[in-house]
Structure formats: C-alpha cells, structure tokens
Amino acid sequence: MSSSPLPWWRWTLPSSSGGEEEEGRPHPESQQLRPPLPGCRVSVCLVSGAGMLLLLPLTLLALQAGLCRGACVEVDSDTEAVANEGFKLGCISCKMRAEVPARAVVTWEFRVSEDQNFSLLYEYEEKRGDILDPRFEERLDWNGSKNTEDLQDGSIYILNVTFNDTGTYRCTFRRTLIYTNYNFENYTTKLIHLHVVPKLTRSMASILSEVMMYVSIIGLQLWLVVEMIYCYRKISAAGEEALRETEAEYLAVASESKENCGAVQEAE
C-alpha cells in the first residue's frame, strides 16, 4: 500500500549538521516550499527555463531588426536604350559615413555628340525635381531616393526615348555632411554615354551565358536520372540478397526442426 504524500507543512530539509532530517515540526526554510504543479516535473521545468533563456537573445535580435538599414551599392547605369520606350539613367553615390546626417542635391546635365558644352537637364533638391531642358519637358521623372534629403540614388527615368536623346549625360551629387561644429561639402560626378537603337540587340556574352545555363540544367537533370537508376538497382540487388539469406535461414531452421522431430520419435 503506497503512502500518501506529505502536506507541504510536513516537508523538511536536511539539517546543517549533516544528520538525519527532523520531522514533527516544520523546518523554517520548508515553509517557503510549495508542492509541484500536477504533471510538471523538475526536469521539464528546468528545460523550459533554459528555452526561455535561449529565446531571449532571439527576441532582442528581432526587435533590433526593424532598426537595420539596407546597404548601398554603386552600380553602373545601362548605356543602350530602345527608341519609343522608357529608359532609366542610373546614378548612385553611396555615403561613406552612414552615421553622419547629410543632405544632397542632384544635378543632371546633357550634351549632344556635336556639342562641346553641357546644358542643365534636371535638378532635384529638397524632395522636389525640376526639368530645366525644354527638350525633355514632360518626359523626365525622378527615380531615385524618395522622402529624404539624404540622397544616395539620383536616378532619373526618360519616357518615350527618341534618337535625339543620344549623347553624354553627367550626374553630379553635391552632398553636405552635417557635423556638430561644421559642415563639409563634397562633389561626386559620373558620366553616362547613352546610345539609342531601334531594337534591342543582345551581346554575344549574353547569348553564350544563356546557352550555358540551359546546358547546365539539362546536364544536372541527366545526372540525377542516372543516380536514381543506380540507387534503384543497388537497393533492388540488396533486397534480393536479403530475401535469399532469409530463405536459406528458413530452410535451415526447417531442416533442423525435422531432425529434432525424428530424434524424438526414435527415442520414444
């Protein structure tokens, strides 16, 4: 017959002298104990506590993830546009000191192949863009950084490209870094030589890369089929061998049983 568990006021702790536990009166420290919850073991509770400790840094990382910012990468602009279609003139100038507040002004200039000097084309300042060349009136749109004065992407988009848009474009970033006691200005200039063609032509490198991609895909699929056939044959052979071994063991057991039966009959 199992004994019923003691109430919490009868729980005792080992004495400090190392002797036996004192029963009959509540231990001073035992009054702080409580019976464990039903169905909760000490090991499970310890694992739950360790899991909470592991989840704590993950929770902190998740809270900090919203404060992260995307990285800036400077990519060269395309230089071949198709007539009667849209085209993006890319101009990216990354700020080296991301922690320093700044403001920037982006200016675009255009020069036809026959001209010697650049003419103002577009200017973006204080979240507002102005078209300064009548040849591009209602055909230019801002495609860079939005809702900020700290510009790093100064790209513009040309609508309905014409052959007269062929020429050299110059993009200039005038950035002002705002420090505590002073401001620092620097300039970044990029040139883009645009060619307008009636139809988009693909380079030989692009064609070869696409052909190699399809060849790689087909080769990988063939290799996968060969591997599947090889594995199937290997598994099938192993299964047949296992069946033969099982059959041999069964016959051996049957013959041994038959011999034992014959021996018993002779003894009788």
Protein backbone atom coordinates (compact mmCIF):
# COMPACT_ATOMS: atom_id res chain seq x y z
CA MET A 1 0.00 0.00 0.00
CA SER A 2 1.55 3.29 -1.09
CA SER A 3 1.78 6.07 1.43
CA SER A 4 0.03 9.35 0.70
CA PRO A 5 2.28 12.37 0.06
CA LEU A 6 3.02 14.62 2.98
CA PRO A 7 1.43 18.06 3.08
CA TRP A 8 3.73 20.99 2.43
CA TRP A 9 3.95 21.88 6.11
CA ARG A 10 5.48 18.46 6.80
CA TRP A 11 8.21 18.87 4.22
CA THR A 12 11.66 19.01 5.80
CA LEU A 13 15.14 19.84 4.68
CA PRO A 14 18.42 18.20 5.72
CA SER A 15 19.88 19.70 8.87
CA SER A 16 23.01 21.79 8.59
CA SER A 17 24.90 19.34 10.80
CA GLY A 18 24.63 16.64 8.17
CA GLY A 19 22.43 14.40 10.36
CA GLU A 20 19.01 12.99 9.67
CA GLU A 21 16.05 15.11 8.75
CA GLU A 22 14.00 16.49 11.57
CA GLU A 23 10.34 15.56 11.42
CA GLY A 24 7.41 16.53 13.57
CA ARG A 25 7.82 20.27 13.21
CA PRO A 26 8.07 22.49 10.15
CA HIS A 27 11.51 23.49 9.05
CA PRO A 28 11.94 27.29 8.84
CA GLU A 29 13.04 27.08 5.22
CA SER A 30 10.45 24.46 4.37
CA GLN A 31 7.66 26.97 4.87
CA GLN A 32 8.75 28.64 1.63
CA LEU A 33 8.29 25.45 -0.40
CA ARG A 34 5.21 24.67 -2.39
CA PRO A 35 4.15 21.35 -3.93
CA PRO A 36 4.99 20.98 -7.62
CA LEU A 37 2.24 21.55 -10.13
CA PRO A 38 0.41 18.43 -11.33
CA GLY A 39 2.08 16.92 -14.39
CA CYS A 40 5.14 19.19 -14.15
CA ARG A 41 8.40 17.53 -13.38
CA VAL A 42 11.51 19.31 -12.25
CA SER A 43 13.43 18.36 -15.42
CA VAL A 44 10.68 19.74 -17.65
CA CYS A 45 10.64 22.98 -15.70
CA LEU A 46 14.42 23.31 -15.98
CA VAL A 47 14.25 22.72 -19.76
CA SER A 48 11.53 25.34 -20.07
CA GLY A 49 13.70 27.83 -18.21
CA ALA A 50 16.66 27.10 -20.49
CA GLY A 51 14.43 27.52 -23.51
CA MET A 52 13.32 30.92 -22.28
CA LEU A 53 16.97 31.94 -21.87
CA LEU A 54 17.63 30.90 -25.47
CA LEU A 55 14.59 32.76 -26.76
CA LEU A 56 15.60 35.98 -25.01
CA PRO A 57 18.50 36.91 -27.34
CA LEU A 58 16.42 35.91 -30.37
CA THR A 59 13.68 38.25 -29.21
CA LEU A 60 16.17 41.08 -28.78
CA LEU A 61 17.54 40.47 -32.29
CA ALA A 62 14.03 40.53 -33.72
CA LEU A 63 13.38 43.87 -32.02
CA GLN A 64 16.62 45.32 -33.39
CA ALA A 65 15.95 44.03 -36.92
CA GLY A 66 13.47 46.82 -37.55
CA LEU A 67 16.23 49.39 -36.93
CA CYS A 68 18.55 47.99 -39.62
CA ARG A 69 19.05 49.84 -42.89
CA GLY A 70 19.76 48.50 -46.32
CA ALA A 71 23.27 48.67 -47.69
CA CYS A 72 24.15 50.99 -50.57
CA VAL A 73 25.89 49.55 -53.64
CA GLU A 74 27.08 51.66 -56.56
CA VAL A 75 26.00 50.08 -59.86
CA ASP A 76 26.80 51.49 -63.28
CA SER A 77 23.92 52.55 -65.47
CA ASP A 78 22.89 50.85 -68.70
CA THR A 79 24.06 52.66 -71.83
CA GLU A 80 21.76 51.30 -74.56
CA ALA A 81 18.16 52.47 -74.86
CA VAL A 82 15.43 51.45 -77.30
CA ALA A 83 13.57 54.12 -79.21
CA ASN A 84 9.95 54.83 -78.21
CA GLU A 85 10.42 53.05 -74.88
CA GLY A 86 11.32 54.11 -71.36
CA PHE A 87 14.85 54.09 -70.02
CA LYS A 88 16.40 54.55 -66.59
CA LEU A 89 19.55 56.63 -66.25
CA GLY A 90 21.16 55.23 -63.11
CA CYS A 91 23.34 57.34 -60.84
CA ILE A 92 24.19 56.08 -57.33
CA SER A 93 26.62 57.75 -54.93
CA CYS A 94 26.90 55.98 -51.57
CA LYS A 95 27.67 57.97 -48.44
CA MET A 96 30.82 56.69 -46.77
CA ARG A 97 29.80 57.82 -43.27
CA ALA A 98 26.32 56.40 -42.79
CA GLU A 99 26.12 57.61 -39.18
CA VAL A 100 26.62 61.28 -40.15
CA PRO A 101 23.45 63.16 -41.17
CA ALA A 102 23.63 64.80 -44.57
CA ARG A 103 21.65 66.42 -47.34
CA ALA A 104 22.36 66.26 -51.05
CA VAL A 105 21.40 67.96 -54.31
CA VAL A 106 21.46 66.01 -57.59
CA THR A 107 22.02 67.82 -60.88
CA TRP A 108 21.80 66.25 -64.34
CA GLU A 109 23.37 67.75 -67.48
CA PHE A 110 23.16 66.71 -71.12
CA ARG A 111 25.42 67.14 -74.09
CA VAL A 112 24.71 66.09 -77.67
CA SER A 113 27.55 64.44 -79.54
CA GLU A 114 28.10 67.54 -81.71
CA ASP A 115 28.13 69.99 -78.79
CA GLN A 116 31.11 70.91 -76.65
CA ASN A 117 29.34 72.15 -73.53
CA PHE A 118 26.80 70.58 -71.19
CA SER A 119 23.37 72.10 -70.67
CA LEU A 120 21.31 71.78 -67.49
CA LEU A 121 18.79 68.99 -67.74
CA TYR A 122 17.29 68.24 -64.32
CA GLU A 123 17.78 69.20 -60.69
CA TYR A 124 16.44 67.53 -57.54
CA GLU A 125 16.61 69.42 -54.25
CA GLU A 126 14.54 69.39 -51.05
CA LYS A 127 12.36 66.49 -52.25
CA ARG A 128 11.44 68.34 -55.42
CA GLY A 129 12.57 67.91 -59.02
CA ASP A 130 12.64 70.48 -61.83
CA ILE A 131 13.07 69.84 -65.56
CA LEU A 132 15.42 72.54 -66.92
CA ASP A 133 15.69 71.43 -70.58
CA PRO A 134 12.59 72.03 -72.77
CA ARG A 135 13.56 69.08 -74.99
CA PHE A 136 12.72 66.76 -72.09
CA GLU A 137 9.60 68.55 -70.90
CA GLU A 138 7.06 66.04 -69.53
CA ARG A 139 9.43 63.20 -70.44
CA LEU A 140 11.53 63.04 -67.27
CA ASP A 141 10.65 61.61 -63.89
CA TRP A 142 12.61 61.20 -60.66
CA ASN A 143 13.52 57.56 -59.97
CA GLY A 144 15.93 57.95 -57.07
CA SER A 145 15.73 58.22 -53.28
CA LYS A 146 12.34 59.36 -52.02
CA ASN A 147 11.07 61.05 -48.85
CA THR A 148 14.54 62.09 -47.76
CA GLU A 149 17.08 64.84 -48.36
CA ASP A 150 19.98 62.46 -47.73
CA LEU A 151 20.08 61.31 -51.35
CA GLN A 152 22.18 58.33 -52.42
CA ASP A 153 20.27 57.26 -55.52
CA GLY A 154 19.93 60.06 -58.07
CA SER A 155 18.49 58.07 -60.97
CA ILE A 156 16.01 59.56 -63.41
CA TYR A 157 13.64 57.92 -65.91
CA ILE A 158 13.20 59.05 -69.52
CA LEU A 159 9.79 58.44 -71.07
CA ASN A 160 9.43 57.78 -74.79
CA VAL A 161 13.12 57.81 -75.71
CA THR A 162 13.99 59.36 -79.09
CA PHE A 163 17.10 59.20 -81.23
CA ASN A 164 17.82 62.81 -80.30
CA ASP A 165 18.43 61.65 -76.72
CA THR A 166 21.71 60.06 -77.78
CA GLY A 167 24.63 61.78 -76.11
CA THR A 168 26.51 62.16 -72.83
CA TYR A 169 24.77 62.66 -69.50
CA ARG A 170 26.55 63.98 -66.43
CA CYS A 171 25.20 63.34 -62.94
CA THR A 172 26.56 65.44 -60.06
CA PHE A 173 25.98 64.87 -56.33
CA ARG A 174 26.57 67.89 -54.12
CA ARG A 175 26.50 66.41 -50.64
CA THR A 176 26.77 68.31 -47.36
CA LEU A 177 27.82 66.33 -44.28
CA ILE A 178 26.43 67.92 -41.13
CA TYR A 179 28.78 67.66 -38.15
CA THR A 180 28.34 69.20 -34.72
CA ASN A 181 30.56 72.23 -35.25
CA TYR A 182 30.83 72.50 -39.03
CA ASN A 183 29.54 71.29 -42.40
CA PHE A 184 31.59 69.53 -45.04
CA GLU A 185 30.75 69.54 -48.76
CA ASN A 186 31.95 67.13 -51.40
CA TYR A 187 31.11 66.57 -55.06
CA THR A 188 30.70 63.31 -56.98
CA THR A 189 30.36 63.28 -60.77
CA LYS A 190 29.50 60.41 -63.10
CA LEU A 191 29.31 60.29 -66.90
CA ILE A 192 26.91 58.12 -68.90
CA HIS A 193 27.24 57.73 -72.68
CA LEU A 194 23.80 56.80 -73.98
CA HIS A 195 23.13 55.17 -77.35
CA VAL A 196 19.61 54.90 -78.74
CA VAL A 197 18.91 51.94 -81.04
CA PRO A 198 15.74 50.97 -82.94
CA LYS A 199 15.75 47.46 -81.48
CA LEU A 200 17.48 45.95 -78.50
CA THR A 201 20.43 43.81 -79.53
CA ARG A 202 21.88 41.10 -77.38
CA SER A 203 25.60 40.76 -76.94
CA MET A 204 27.45 37.53 -77.63
CA ALA A 205 28.29 37.16 -73.94
CA SER A 206 24.60 37.24 -73.03
CA ILE A 207 23.75 34.59 -75.62
CA LEU A 208 26.59 32.31 -74.51
CA SER A 209 25.65 32.66 -70.86
CA GLU A 210 22.04 31.67 -71.61
CA VAL A 211 23.17 28.66 -73.66
CA MET A 212 25.49 27.54 -70.86
CA MET A 213 22.66 27.89 -68.35
CA TYR A 214 20.40 25.56 -70.33
CA VAL A 215 23.25 23.10 -70.89
CA SER A 216 23.95 23.03 -67.16
CA ILE A 217 20.27 22.44 -66.33
CA ILE A 218 19.98 19.56 -68.82
CA GLY A 219 23.26 18.04 -67.61
CA LEU A 220 22.17 18.15 -63.99
CA GLN A 221 18.84 16.51 -64.82
CA LEU A 222 20.58 13.69 -66.74
CA TRP A 223 22.98 13.16 -63.85
CA LEU A 224 20.03 12.98 -61.43
CA VAL A 225 18.30 10.34 -63.60
CA VAL A 226 21.49 8.24 -63.72
CA GLU A 227 21.90 8.45 -59.96
CA MET A 228 18.29 7.41 -59.40
CA ILE A 229 18.68 4.36 -61.68
CA TYR A 230 21.94 3.39 -59.95
CA CYS A 231 20.43 3.69 -56.48
CA TYR A 232 17.32 1.72 -57.53
CA ARG A 233 19.43 -1.13 -58.90
CA LYS A 234 21.60 -1.18 -55.80
CA ILE A 235 18.60 -1.27 -53.46
CA SER A 236 16.92 -3.94 -55.59
CA ALA A 237 20.05 -6.14 -55.51
CA ALA A 238 20.35 -5.72 -51.74
CA GLY A 239 16.69 -6.69 -51.33
CA GLU A 240 17.08 -9.85 -53.41
CA GLU A 241 20.17 -10.85 -51.46
CA ALA A 242 18.31 -10.31 -48.18
CA LEU A 243 15.45 -12.50 -49.46
CA ARG A 244 17.89 -15.26 -50.39
CA GLU A 245 19.51 -15.11 -46.96
CA THR A 246 16.10 -15.22 -45.27
CA GLU A 247 15.06 -18.20 -47.38
CA ALA A 248 18.29 -20.04 -46.54
CA GLU A 249 17.80 -19.40 -42.83
CA TYR A 250 14.18 -20.60 -43.06
CA LEU A 251 15.23 -23.83 -44.79
CA ALA A 252 17.98 -24.39 -42.21
CA VAL A 253 15.54 -23.94 -39.35
CA ALA A 254 13.01 -26.24 -41.02
CA SER A 255 15.59 -29.00 -41.57
CA GLU A 256 16.83 -28.69 -38.02
CA SER A 257 13.29 -28.93 -36.70
CA LYS A 258 12.70 -32.00 -38.84
CA GLU A 259 15.86 -33.65 -37.50
CA ASN A 260 14.83 -32.88 -33.94
CA CYS A 261 11.39 -34.41 -34.52
CA GLY A 262 13.00 -37.58 -35.99
CA ALA A 263 15.30 -37.86 -32.99
CA VAL A 264 12.38 -37.57 -30.59
CA GLN A 265 10.43 -40.25 -32.40
CA GLU A 266 13.39 -42.65 -32.31
CA ALA A 267 13.82 -42.01 -28.60
CA GLU A 268 10.18 -42.86 -27.95
